[in-house]
Protein backbone atom coordinates (compact mmCIF):
# COMPACT_ATOMS: atom_id res chain seq x y z
CA MET A 1 11.66 -17.49 -3.87
CA ASP A 2 12.43 -19.45 -0.69
CA GLY A 3 13.06 -18.08 2.80
CA ASP A 4 11.13 -16.05 5.35
CA PRO A 5 7.53 -14.96 4.65
CA VAL A 6 8.66 -11.31 4.53
CA LEU A 7 11.92 -10.29 2.89
CA TYR A 8 13.88 -7.14 2.26
CA VAL A 9 16.16 -6.92 -0.78
CA ARG A 10 17.66 -3.96 -2.59
CA GLU A 11 18.23 -3.51 -6.30
CA GLY A 12 20.22 -0.36 -7.05
CA ARG A 13 18.46 2.62 -5.46
CA VAL A 14 15.23 0.68 -4.91
CA GLY A 15 14.48 -1.37 -1.82
CA HIS A 16 11.93 -4.19 -2.06
CA VAL A 17 9.72 -5.40 0.78
CA VAL A 18 8.49 -8.78 -0.44
CA LEU A 19 5.54 -10.82 0.81
CA ASN A 20 6.95 -14.30 0.33
CA ARG A 21 4.21 -16.76 1.17
CA PRO A 22 2.82 -17.55 -2.28
CA GLN A 23 1.41 -20.95 -1.30
CA LYS A 24 -0.96 -19.06 1.02
CA LEU A 25 -1.56 -16.17 -1.42
CA ASN A 26 0.68 -14.10 0.89
CA ALA A 27 -2.00 -14.08 3.61
CA ILE A 28 -0.70 -12.19 6.65
CA SER A 29 -0.03 -14.33 9.72
CA ASP A 30 0.64 -12.97 13.20
CA ARG A 31 4.37 -13.66 12.69
CA MET A 32 4.39 -11.58 9.51
CA LYS A 33 3.03 -8.47 11.22
CA GLY A 34 6.25 -7.92 13.17
CA MET A 35 8.34 -8.91 10.16
CA LEU A 36 6.59 -6.30 8.02
CA VAL A 37 7.34 -3.60 10.57
CA GLU A 38 11.00 -4.58 10.69
CA ALA A 39 11.33 -4.89 6.89
CA PHE A 40 9.93 -1.41 6.32
CA TRP A 41 12.17 0.13 8.99
CA ARG A 42 15.12 -1.67 7.41
CA ALA A 43 14.19 -0.19 4.04
CA ASP A 44 13.85 3.25 5.60
CA ARG A 45 17.27 3.01 7.26
CA ASP A 46 19.02 1.70 4.12
CA PRO A 47 21.17 4.63 2.93
CA GLU A 48 21.42 3.15 -0.58
CA ALA A 49 17.65 3.03 -1.16
CA SER A 50 15.58 6.15 -1.80
CA VAL A 51 12.38 4.42 -3.01
CA VAL A 52 10.65 1.29 -1.67
CA VAL A 53 8.55 -1.23 -3.60
CA LEU A 54 6.06 -3.47 -1.80
CA ARG A 55 5.20 -6.60 -3.77
CA GLY A 56 3.99 -10.17 -3.35
CA GLU A 57 5.43 -13.36 -4.79
CA GLY A 58 3.21 -15.68 -6.80
CA ARG A 59 -0.16 -15.13 -8.42
CA SER A 60 -1.57 -12.81 -5.75
CA PHE A 61 -0.39 -9.75 -3.88
CA CYS A 62 -2.11 -10.56 -0.57
CA ALA A 63 -5.34 -12.38 0.32
CA GLY A 64 -5.67 -10.52 3.63
CA HIS A 65 -5.09 -11.90 7.09
CA ASP A 66 -4.64 -15.63 7.45
CA LEU A 67 -7.86 -16.77 9.14
CA ASP A 68 -6.53 -20.32 9.24
CA ALA A 69 -3.14 -19.58 10.82
CA GLU A 70 -2.44 -21.70 13.87
CA GLU A 71 -0.74 -18.89 15.75
CA ASP A 72 -3.66 -16.47 15.37
CA GLU A 73 -5.21 -15.85 18.76
CA ASP A 74 -8.92 -15.59 19.46
CA GLY A 75 -9.84 -12.66 21.67
CA GLY A 76 -13.22 -14.21 22.43
CA THR A 77 -15.51 -11.62 23.99
CA ASP A 78 -12.65 -9.54 25.40
CA ALA A 79 -12.83 -6.24 23.50
CA TRP A 80 -9.54 -5.01 24.98
CA LEU A 81 -7.69 -8.12 23.82
CA TRP A 82 -9.18 -7.69 20.37
CA TRP A 83 -8.13 -4.02 20.40
CA SER A 84 -4.54 -5.04 21.17
CA GLN A 85 -4.46 -7.63 18.40
CA LEU A 86 -6.10 -5.34 15.85
CA ASN A 87 -3.73 -2.53 16.80
CA GLU A 88 -0.84 -4.80 15.75
CA SER A 89 -2.56 -5.31 12.41
CA LEU A 90 -3.06 -1.57 11.99
CA ARG A 91 0.60 -0.92 12.79
CA ALA A 92 1.82 -3.43 10.20
CA GLU A 93 -0.57 -2.31 7.46
CA MET A 94 0.22 1.38 7.95
CA MET A 95 4.01 0.97 7.69
CA PRO A 96 4.07 2.25 4.07
CA PHE A 97 2.58 5.49 5.40
CA GLU A 98 4.88 5.67 8.42
CA VAL A 99 8.26 5.34 6.70
CA SER A 100 9.90 8.48 5.34
CA LYS A 101 10.55 7.16 1.81
CA PRO A 102 7.87 6.84 -0.88
CA VAL A 103 6.46 3.32 -1.18
CA ILE A 104 5.14 1.89 -4.45
CA ALA A 105 2.83 -1.13 -4.25
CA ALA A 106 2.88 -3.59 -7.16
CA VAL A 107 -0.30 -5.66 -6.89
CA GLN A 108 -1.72 -8.62 -8.80
CA GLY A 109 -4.42 -11.21 -8.29
CA HIS A 110 -6.02 -11.05 -4.86
CA VAL A 111 -5.74 -7.67 -3.11
CA LEU A 112 -8.04 -8.41 -0.21
CA GLY A 113 -8.74 -7.31 3.36
CA GLY A 114 -5.56 -6.32 5.15
CA GLY A 115 -3.67 -6.64 1.87
CA CYS A 116 -5.97 -4.09 0.25
CA GLN A 117 -5.64 -1.77 3.24
CA MET A 118 -1.84 -2.02 3.17
CA ALA A 119 -1.76 -1.27 -0.57
CA MET A 120 -3.95 1.79 0.02
CA ALA A 121 -1.46 3.01 2.65
CA CYS A 122 1.26 3.12 -0.02
CA ASP A 123 2.16 6.36 -1.81
CA LEU A 124 1.63 4.92 -5.29
CA VAL A 125 0.01 1.73 -6.61
CA ILE A 126 0.67 -0.13 -9.87
CA ALA A 127 -1.93 -2.82 -10.57
CA ALA A 128 -1.88 -5.76 -12.92
CA GLU A 129 -4.97 -6.15 -15.08
CA ASP A 130 -5.91 -9.29 -13.14
CA ALA A 131 -5.91 -7.52 -9.75
CA ARG A 132 -9.13 -7.72 -7.74
CA PHE A 133 -9.66 -5.42 -4.77
CA ALA A 134 -12.06 -6.15 -1.89
CA GLU A 135 -12.54 -5.92 1.85
CA PRO A 136 -14.92 -8.88 2.28
CA GLU A 137 -14.56 -9.22 6.07
CA VAL A 138 -17.94 -7.58 6.67
CA ARG A 139 -19.62 -10.65 5.17
CA PHE A 140 -18.55 -12.76 8.14
CA SER A 141 -19.16 -10.02 10.73
CA ASN A 142 -15.68 -8.48 10.83
CA THR A 143 -14.36 -5.25 9.34
CA GLY A 144 -11.30 -2.98 9.32
CA PRO A 145 -9.12 -2.28 11.18
CA VAL A 146 -7.61 0.29 8.75
CA PHE A 147 -10.39 2.55 7.46
CA VAL A 148 -8.22 4.26 4.89
CA MET A 149 -10.61 3.88 1.93
CA PRO A 150 -12.75 7.03 2.55
CA TRP A 151 -9.60 9.16 2.31
CA ILE A 152 -8.85 7.78 -1.15
CA ALA A 153 -12.13 6.86 -2.82
CA GLY A 154 -14.47 9.31 -1.08
CA PHE A 155 -17.28 8.43 1.31
CA ARG A 156 -19.93 7.28 -1.20
CA ARG A 157 -17.70 4.76 -2.93
CA ALA A 158 -15.99 3.74 0.32
CA ARG A 159 -19.32 3.00 1.99
CA GLU A 160 -20.48 0.80 -0.88
CA PHE A 161 -17.10 -0.95 -0.96
CA LEU A 162 -17.03 -1.57 2.81
CA TYR A 163 -20.73 -2.28 3.39
CA PHE A 164 -21.15 -4.92 0.65
CA GLY A 165 -17.67 -6.46 0.57
CA ASP A 166 -17.88 -6.81 -3.23
CA ALA A 167 -14.71 -7.00 -5.32
CA ILE A 168 -13.79 -4.45 -7.97
CA ASP A 169 -11.42 -4.99 -10.87
CA ALA A 170 -8.29 -3.04 -11.72
CA ALA A 171 -10.06 -0.81 -14.26
CA THR A 172 -12.61 0.24 -11.64
CA ALA A 173 -9.84 0.78 -9.09
CA LEU A 174 -8.16 3.13 -11.58
CA GLU A 175 -11.43 5.00 -12.14
CA TRP A 176 -11.89 5.38 -8.37
CA GLY A 177 -8.35 6.69 -7.90
CA LEU A 178 -7.19 3.68 -5.86
CA VAL A 179 -4.31 2.96 -8.24
CA ASN A 180 -2.04 5.06 -10.44
CA ARG A 181 -1.47 2.71 -13.37
CA VAL A 182 -2.87 -0.57 -14.72
CA VAL A 183 -0.58 -2.81 -16.77
CA PRO A 184 -0.72 -6.34 -18.23
CA ALA A 185 0.05 -8.93 -15.55
CA ALA A 186 3.14 -10.17 -17.42
CA GLU A 187 4.58 -6.63 -17.40
CA LEU A 188 3.89 -5.74 -13.75
CA ARG A 189 7.35 -6.49 -12.37
CA ASP A 190 9.34 -4.80 -15.13
CA PHE A 191 7.04 -1.78 -15.30
CA THR A 192 7.21 -1.27 -11.52
CA VAL A 193 11.01 -1.51 -11.51
CA ARG A 194 11.29 1.10 -14.29
CA TYR A 195 8.74 3.32 -12.52
CA ALA A 196 10.61 3.05 -9.21
CA GLU A 197 14.00 3.63 -10.82
CA ARG A 198 12.67 6.76 -12.50
CA LEU A 199 11.36 8.04 -9.16
CA ALA A 200 14.72 7.24 -7.55
CA ARG A 201 16.35 9.82 -9.84
CA ILE A 202 14.72 12.52 -7.69
CA SER A 203 16.97 13.51 -4.80
CA PRO A 204 16.10 11.53 -1.65
CA GLU A 205 15.93 14.76 0.35
CA ALA A 206 13.22 16.12 -1.96
CA LEU A 207 11.28 12.84 -1.85
CA THR A 208 11.28 12.50 1.93
CA ARG A 209 10.38 16.16 2.52
CA THR A 210 7.56 16.02 -0.02
CA LYS A 211 6.17 12.86 1.56
CA LEU A 212 6.44 14.39 5.03
CA ALA A 213 4.60 17.53 3.92
CA LEU A 214 1.77 15.46 2.45
CA LYS A 215 1.71 13.24 5.54
CA ARG A 216 1.50 16.21 7.90
CA GLY A 217 -1.36 17.63 5.85
CA LEU A 218 -3.33 14.38 6.22
CA GLU A 219 -2.60 14.28 9.92
CA ALA A 220 -3.71 17.89 10.35
CA ALA A 221 -6.97 16.94 8.64
CA GLY A 222 -7.52 14.20 11.22
CA PHE A 223 -6.32 11.15 9.27
CA ARG A 224 -4.48 9.42 12.12
CA ASN A 225 -7.20 10.15 14.68
CA ALA A 226 -9.82 8.77 12.27
CA LEU A 227 -7.94 5.50 11.88
CA HIS A 228 -7.60 5.03 15.64
CA ALA A 229 -11.21 6.00 16.25
CA GLY A 230 -12.25 3.30 13.79
CA LEU A 231 -10.06 0.78 15.60
CA ASP A 232 -11.65 1.69 18.95
CA VAL A 233 -15.14 1.08 17.55
CA ILE A 234 -14.59 -2.18 15.69
CA SER A 235 -12.77 -3.94 18.53
CA THR A 236 -16.20 -4.31 20.15
CA LEU A 237 -17.53 -5.93 16.94
CA TYR A 238 -14.85 -8.60 17.05
CA ALA A 239 -15.83 -9.31 20.68
CA THR A 240 -19.51 -9.68 19.70
CA GLU A 241 -20.99 -13.01 18.64
CA THR A 242 -23.32 -12.53 15.66
CA GLU A 243 -25.63 -15.08 14.07
CA VAL A 244 -23.67 -15.01 10.81
CA GLY A 245 -20.33 -15.16 12.61
CA ARG A 246 -21.45 -18.10 14.75
CA GLU A 247 -22.55 -20.12 11.72
CA PHE A 248 -19.42 -19.17 9.77
CA ASN A 249 -17.22 -20.38 12.61
CA ARG A 250 -19.25 -23.61 12.98
CA ILE A 251 -18.81 -24.48 9.30
CA ALA A 252 -15.11 -23.54 9.41
CA ALA A 253 -14.55 -25.82 12.41
CA ALA A 254 -16.47 -28.71 10.87
CA ASP A 255 -15.54 -28.49 7.20
CA GLY A 256 -12.67 -26.01 6.94
CA LEU A 257 -12.29 -22.33 6.16
CA LYS A 258 -12.77 -22.81 2.42
CA ALA A 259 -16.22 -24.33 3.01
CA ALA A 260 -17.20 -21.48 5.34
CA LEU A 261 -16.13 -18.87 2.79
CA ALA A 262 -18.05 -20.68 0.04
CA TRP A 263 -21.16 -20.85 2.25
CA ARG A 264 -21.08 -17.10 2.86
CA ALA A 265 -20.27 -16.23 -0.75
CA GLY A 266 -23.36 -18.16 -1.82
CA HIS A 267 -25.58 -15.59 -0.09
CA PHE A 268 -24.39 -12.88 -2.49
CA LYS A 269 -24.78 -14.70 -5.80
CA PRO A 270 -27.52 -13.39 -8.12
CA LYS A 271 -30.72 -15.46 -8.00
CA GLY A 272 -32.81 -16.59 -10.92
């Protein structure tokens, strides 16, 4: 599918927000953040759509934020500048939660970092059997900015997931309650369409009011404040130079991002 890196298309009563950067595993660039916001608002304003599907073209849903994107800015040691940039990431990733219509994520392959966080912000998640979920940023001294995982998986599992940065497979994600269904990769698209079309048979008024009631309950429990508190804290981490982060950046500058990621991944391989 050619065109912009984020698309909105509608099929019957189902709107589709599509991550359309398969050559980069749908990694989120700075440009895409604003496009995601606009695509979700367009879906929400579309009177013919009562359900929204979020999906990614190609072999992966989303590999997180594009660390190699030329337009990505470096906030250096300015915590306020980092806060502003990370706030834009939080806004884009939380759009499935913000819109009034239920959003179903269809995920396959890499579901990493910001892509994992955005999937968790959706109302429902259908995963292909080959989906792998992780927030590996902590391994190169970054984390967040959307700390949604404790609200879904519980604090014990969320801490292990966020502290180690290890990946879990689709079966584990189902066990943890991160996804609703797991299907063969070849069936993901068709299953999600049938699932969304079935949901679209519910009156849109009932769907939006039910989502709003659930949303207000989360907000009353402190959900939104917790997310912004997390953002306030981690902006200082991004402005801090760590030993691991310094070496990661040195290797990335000298040999490329892939080499830096491989160097860091090597620290977590079993020995012996």
